[in-house]
Amino acid sequence: MIPALAAAALLDIPPFPPSRMAELADRLAAILNTKNDVLIVQGEAILALEAVATSLPRRGMRALNIVTSPYGDWFGRWLCRAGAEVTDLRASGGQPIEAPAVEAELAKGGYDLVALVHAESSSGILNPLEPIARAAGAAGALVIVDAVASVGGHELDVDALGIDIAVIGAQKSLGGSAGLSALSVSPAAWERLLAPGAPELSSLSLLDLKHNWLDKGRGALPGMPSALELHALDAALDRVEREGLAAVIARHARAAEATRAGLVALGLTAFVSPDRASNLTTAAVPPPGIGIGNLLSALAPFDTGIGPGIGEAAERLVRLNHTSPRAALQPVLTGVLAVGQALASLGCSVDLGAAAAVILSHYDGRAR
């Protein structure tokens, strides 16, 4: 719990200058490797995603929506609500989608957009963004990417991949608050967004953001944004820039490799292979005979934030979060050893020393 004195410091925050909001957008554009417009949305990233799915479709627009978690399912429902004709292409068992399956569906022709989640925090998977974006672009479809759980933890080059809209949040690898999100918008996406029928006077209207911010030269704050959240994003970007984006990504990759190795040393099975796994969350299957519910109950006293999977694989997976400050030796070691102690309390034979040693080998014995 935050002490009352510290919490009081969050009140009476000074205003955030409009010019600095434009600077924030430009700094996010640098992280995304894009020259496209970047919009800052007042709200958690789920609001930005719903705004995209509400603002973009028109009657008759055909969308290929890739579903590898509840988030993809929600996005498809929002597209339908806005009038799009949606084909959901679902991966089985919580696994990543296969690029050839997407390519085969696109070969049928007629799709106006392709939507997918890059990395899934719900199951620790990574979808094959590069071949999918390439195939969608070749088919003349807009590419819409939920990169909330990948930005800062994986390489993401919006312009090189031809991504038309990328939605991000600061609360994961970038180490910021969940109260703001952002999205990049390509000229091709703006052309569709500006077509007749776009929603206006709505929190879900990207057109409103364009009129109230971009069209005013980014010189006036749109609406009544939270100064606290803007200051928090500013501070988070300061920290990322001091460390360097490449170093942030490498730190998350190392934490993922160490976590996976430690869990395997304890007798768990990684849910997906390393090339199909997220750097932010590692999901694993407990040893035979150990139920997820029992394991989570045994883990409760450790207060590590370890939880079950979400979606199709929820009853089979345990997830370890190694995002932002957790992408370091001590949190990784603490989390994996907590799993080992929980397994031991359930009667499993585990070698905590071996698990610790393999984790330390990824860090050369030093905290990074």
Foldseek 3Di string as FASTA:
>chain_A
DDDPVVVCVLPPDDFDALVVVVVLQVLVCVLQQDPFGKFKAQFFLLLQLLLLLQLQDDAAAEEEQEDLAVSSVVSQVSVVVNHYHYDYDYDPLSFADDLVVLLVVLVVADHAAYEDEQADQQAFWGHPQQSNLVSCVVRNHAYEYACAQPRLQHDHHCVVSVHAKYKYACVWQLPFDRRMIMMGHHPVSVVSSPPPPGDPPDSSGPVLSCVQAVVVVSNDDRDDHDRSRVVRSVVSSVVCVVCDSVNSNVLLLLLQVLLQLLLVQFPWAWPDDSVTGTSFKTKTFDHPPDWQVQLVVLLVVLPLPWAAHHDSCRRGIIMHGCTHVSSKLPSSLSVSVSSSVSVVVVPDDHDNVVSNVSSCVSVVVDID
